[in-house]
C-alpha atoms as a PDB file:
ATOM      1  CA  UNK A   1     -27.121  82.567   1.755  1.00  0.00           C
ATOM      2  CA  UNK A   2     -25.586  81.826  -1.614  1.00  0.00           C
ATOM      3  CA  UNK A   3     -23.742  84.532  -3.500  1.00  0.00           C
ATOM      4  CA  UNK A   4     -21.168  84.858  -6.249  1.00  0.00           C
ATOM      5  CA  UNK A   5     -19.551  88.256  -6.615  1.00  0.00           C
ATOM      6  CA  UNK A   6     -17.163  89.404  -9.332  1.00  0.00           C
ATOM      7  CA  UNK A   7     -14.847  92.343  -8.807  1.00  0.00           C
ATOM      8  CA  UNK A   8     -11.759  93.893 -10.311  1.00  0.00           C
ATOM      9  CA  UNK A   9     -13.178  95.294 -13.511  1.00  0.00           C
ATOM     10  CA  UNK A  10     -12.570  98.824 -14.662  1.00  0.00           C
ATOM     11  CA  UNK A  11     -11.125 101.039 -17.338  1.00  0.00           C
ATOM     12  CA  UNK A  12      -7.669 100.176 -18.602  1.00  0.00           C
ATOM     13  CA  UNK A  13      -5.561 101.275 -21.549  1.00  0.00           C
ATOM     14  CA  UNK A  14      -4.682  98.853 -24.333  1.00  0.00           C
ATOM     15  CA  UNK A  15      -1.762  96.717 -23.256  1.00  0.00           C
ATOM     16  CA  UNK A  16      -2.709  97.020 -19.610  1.00  0.00           C
ATOM     17  CA  UNK A  17      -3.704  94.372 -17.097  1.00  0.00           C
ATOM     18  CA  UNK A  18      -6.566  93.604 -14.770  1.00  0.00           C
ATOM     19  CA  UNK A  19      -7.237  90.790 -12.338  1.00  0.00           C
ATOM     20  CA  UNK A  20     -10.821  89.785 -11.871  1.00  0.00           C
ATOM     21  CA  UNK A  21     -11.936  88.021  -8.711  1.00  0.00           C
ATOM     22  CA  UNK A  22     -14.911  85.751  -8.218  1.00  0.00           C
ATOM     23  CA  UNK A  23     -15.790  85.217  -4.563  1.00  0.00           C
ATOM     24  CA  UNK A  24     -18.306  82.590  -3.552  1.00  0.00           C
ATOM     25  CA  UNK A  25     -20.307  82.580  -0.354  1.00  0.00           C
ATOM     26  CA  UNK A  26     -22.471  79.807   0.970  1.00  0.00           C
ATOM     27  CA  UNK A  27     -21.179  77.259  -1.508  1.00  0.00           C
ATOM     28  CA  UNK A  28     -18.855  74.347  -0.887  1.00  0.00           C
ATOM     29  CA  UNK A  29     -16.537  76.065  -3.321  1.00  0.00           C
ATOM     30  CA  UNK A  30     -14.107  73.207  -3.879  1.00  0.00           C
ATOM     31  CA  UNK A  31     -16.936  71.056  -5.249  1.00  0.00           C
ATOM     32  CA  UNK A  32     -17.413  73.357  -8.215  1.00  0.00           C
ATOM     33  CA  UNK A  33     -15.817  74.159 -11.501  1.00  0.00           C
ATOM     34  CA  UNK A  34     -15.566  77.900 -12.140  1.00  0.00           C
ATOM     35  CA  UNK A  35     -16.318  79.275 -15.577  1.00  0.00           C
ATOM     36  CA  UNK A  36     -15.512  82.749 -16.811  1.00  0.00           C
ATOM     37  CA  UNK A  37     -17.649  84.291 -19.520  1.00  0.00           C
ATOM     38  CA  UNK A  38     -17.915  87.656 -21.189  1.00  0.00           C
ATOM     39  CA  UNK A  39     -20.637  89.449 -23.050  1.00  0.00           C
ATOM     40  CA  UNK A  40     -20.782  92.475 -25.279  1.00  0.00           C
ATOM     41  CA  UNK A  41     -24.216  94.115 -25.566  1.00  0.00           C
ATOM     42  CA  UNK A  42     -26.085  92.680 -28.504  1.00  0.00           C
ATOM     43  CA  UNK A  43     -23.863  89.634 -28.754  1.00  0.00           C
ATOM     44  CA  UNK A  44     -23.992  86.146 -27.307  1.00  0.00           C
ATOM     45  CA  UNK A  45     -22.183  85.357 -24.096  1.00  0.00           C
ATOM     46  CA  UNK A  46     -18.759  83.866 -24.770  1.00  0.00           C
ATOM     47  CA  UNK A  47     -17.019  81.297 -22.612  1.00  0.00           C
ATOM     48  CA  UNK A  48     -13.478  82.466 -21.888  1.00  0.00           C
ATOM     49  CA  UNK A  49     -12.059  80.067 -19.342  1.00  0.00           C
ATOM     50  CA  UNK A  50     -12.776  77.369 -16.844  1.00  0.00           C
ATOM     51  CA  UNK A  51     -10.947  75.799 -13.953  1.00  0.00           C
ATOM     52  CA  UNK A  52     -11.775  72.482 -12.325  1.00  0.00           C
ATOM     53  CA  UNK A  53     -12.300  72.120  -8.557  1.00  0.00           C
ATOM     54  CA  UNK A  54      -8.727  71.067  -7.771  1.00  0.00           C
ATOM     55  CA  UNK A  55      -7.211  73.221 -10.539  1.00  0.00           C
ATOM     56  CA  UNK A  56      -6.137  70.126 -12.461  1.00  0.00           C
ATOM     57  CA  UNK A  57      -7.717  71.582 -15.590  1.00  0.00           C
ATOM     58  CA  UNK A  58      -7.311  75.212 -16.579  1.00  0.00           C
ATOM     59  CA  UNK A  59      -8.868  75.929 -19.914  1.00  0.00           C
ATOM     60  CA  UNK A  60      -8.410  79.166 -21.834  1.00  0.00           C
ATOM     61  CA  UNK A  61     -10.158  79.902 -25.116  1.00  0.00           C
ATOM     62  CA  UNK A  62      -7.835  80.439 -28.084  1.00  0.00           C
ATOM     63  CA  UNK A  63      -8.768  84.091 -28.548  1.00  0.00           C
ATOM     64  CA  UNK A  64      -7.174  85.027 -25.206  1.00  0.00           C
ATOM     65  CA  UNK A  65      -4.668  82.226 -24.761  1.00  0.00           C
ATOM     66  CA  UNK A  66      -1.269  83.536 -23.758  1.00  0.00           C
ATOM     67  CA  UNK A  67      -2.810  86.692 -22.314  1.00  0.00           C
ATOM     68  CA  UNK A  68      -5.317  85.397 -19.749  1.00  0.00           C
ATOM     69  CA  UNK A  69      -4.643  83.046 -16.853  1.00  0.00           C
ATOM     70  CA  UNK A  70      -7.160  81.387 -14.556  1.00  0.00           C
ATOM     71  CA  UNK A  71      -6.445  80.364 -10.990  1.00  0.00           C
ATOM     72  CA  UNK A  72      -8.351  79.674  -7.798  1.00  0.00           C
ATOM     73  CA  UNK A  73      -7.738  79.642  -4.076  1.00  0.00           C
ATOM     74  CA  UNK A  74     -10.183  77.261  -2.471  1.00  0.00           C
ATOM     75  CA  UNK A  75      -9.161  78.385   1.028  1.00  0.00           C
ATOM     76  CA  UNK A  76     -10.509  81.824   0.108  1.00  0.00           C
ATOM     77  CA  UNK A  77     -13.490  80.580  -1.919  1.00  0.00           C
ATOM     78  CA  UNK A  78     -12.199  82.746  -4.741  1.00  0.00           C
ATOM     79  CA  UNK A  79     -11.256  82.301  -8.381  1.00  0.00           C
ATOM     80  CA  UNK A  80      -9.222  84.749 -10.417  1.00  0.00           C
ATOM     81  CA  UNK A  81      -8.887  85.721 -14.047  1.00  0.00           C
ATOM     82  CA  UNK A  82      -5.616  87.503 -14.716  1.00  0.00           C
ATOM     83  CA  UNK A  83      -5.863  89.468 -17.940  1.00  0.00           C
ATOM     84  CA  UNK A  84      -2.704  90.873 -19.507  1.00  0.00           C
ATOM     85  CA  UNK A  85      -1.992  92.673 -22.775  1.00  0.00           C
ATOM     86  CA  UNK A  86      -5.580  93.759 -22.937  1.00  0.00           C
ATOM     87  CA  UNK A  87      -7.073  94.780 -26.261  1.00  0.00           C
ATOM     88  CA  UNK A  88     -10.092  96.878 -27.135  1.00  0.00           C
ATOM     89  CA  UNK A  89     -11.894  93.713 -28.227  1.00  0.00           C
ATOM     90  CA  UNK A  90     -11.670  92.420 -24.658  1.00  0.00           C
ATOM     91  CA  UNK A  91     -14.143  95.091 -23.614  1.00  0.00           C
ATOM     92  CA  UNK A  92     -17.180  93.321 -22.175  1.00  0.00           C
ATOM     93  CA  UNK A  93     -19.045  92.462 -19.020  1.00  0.00           C
ATOM     94  CA  UNK A  94     -17.253  89.542 -17.416  1.00  0.00           C
ATOM     95  CA  UNK A  95     -19.147  86.933 -15.433  1.00  0.00           C
ATOM     96  CA  UNK A  96     -18.094  83.997 -13.337  1.00  0.00           C
ATOM     97  CA  UNK A  97     -20.264  80.989 -12.743  1.00  0.00           C
ATOM     98  CA  UNK A  98     -20.149  77.699 -10.885  1.00  0.00           C
ATOM     99  CA  UNK A  99     -20.750  74.379 -12.503  1.00  0.00           C
ATOM    100  CA  UNK A 100     -21.047  70.923 -11.003  1.00  0.00           C
ATOM    101  CA  UNK A 101     -19.671  67.667 -12.271  1.00  0.00           C
ATOM    102  CA  UNK A 102     -17.054  67.029 -14.894  1.00  0.00           C
ATOM    103  CA  UNK A 103     -17.673  70.131 -17.001  1.00  0.00           C
ATOM    104  CA  UNK A 104     -14.102  71.435 -17.076  1.00  0.00           C
ATOM    105  CA  UNK A 105     -11.691  68.687 -17.985  1.00  0.00           C
ATOM    106  CA  UNK A 106      -8.927  67.751 -20.400  1.00  0.00           C
ATOM    107  CA  UNK A 107     -11.499  67.221 -23.164  1.00  0.00           C
ATOM    108  CA  UNK A 108     -12.930  70.724 -22.840  1.00  0.00           C
ATOM    109  CA  UNK A 109     -12.883  72.605 -26.140  1.00  0.00           C
ATOM    110  CA  UNK A 110     -15.472  75.211 -25.284  1.00  0.00           C
ATOM    111  CA  UNK A 111     -16.867  76.593 -22.040  1.00  0.00           C
ATOM    112  CA  UNK A 112     -20.577  75.935 -22.366  1.00  0.00           C
ATOM    113  CA  UNK A 113     -22.954  78.335 -20.689  1.00  0.00           C
ATOM    114  CA  UNK A 114     -25.642  75.730 -20.036  1.00  0.00           C
ATOM    115  CA  UNK A 115     -23.261  73.688 -17.891  1.00  0.00           C
ATOM    116  CA  UNK A 116     -23.022  76.464 -15.317  1.00  0.00           C
ATOM    117  CA  UNK A 117     -25.980  77.142 -13.052  1.00  0.00           C
ATOM    118  CA  UNK A 118     -24.858  79.700 -10.514  1.00  0.00           C
ATOM    119  CA  UNK A 119     -23.923  83.124 -11.817  1.00  0.00           C
ATOM    120  CA  UNK A 120     -22.499  86.361 -10.522  1.00  0.00           C
ATOM    121  CA  UNK A 121     -23.757  89.790 -11.463  1.00  0.00           C
ATOM    122  CA  UNK A 122     -20.826  90.616 -13.728  1.00  0.00           C
ATOM    123  CA  UNK A 123     -18.103  93.227 -13.750  1.00  0.00           C
ATOM    124  CA  UNK A 124     -17.445  95.673 -16.562  1.00  0.00           C
ATOM    125  CA  UNK A 125     -14.066  95.666 -18.283  1.00  0.00           C
ATOM    126  CA  UNK A 126     -13.375  98.538 -20.656  1.00  0.00           C
ATOM    127  CA  UNK A 127     -10.174  98.690 -22.657  1.00  0.00           C
ATOM    128  CA  UNK A 128      -9.729 102.101 -24.194  1.00  0.00           C
ATOM    129  CA  UNK A 129      -7.171 104.825 -24.598  1.00  0.00           C
END
């Protein structure tokens, strides 16, 4: 059975940190790129980060660069999004997704939703004092 489960969200004060996890089951995890996205109600989903299967590419969108870090542990079938110095504008539902092929590479300028086919259910991140 295939499943992708995000965890680690919650309520945090501005300036705080959270680490999101994305655990895959049933997939040959090290075949896949992992994308991280976030969505605020009423707004389009935004691509935040991606990491290639062997972690050779780790892309972070400019709006969170220097604060967010993406990693993965293929032995645990899990990817992580470390989020530091959180701001109120980071409040959103965060999703991870798996994408096949060469969708996260050195040419990546934007994490494109249509390139990812397998999605988790999302985890809520709320940054508020």
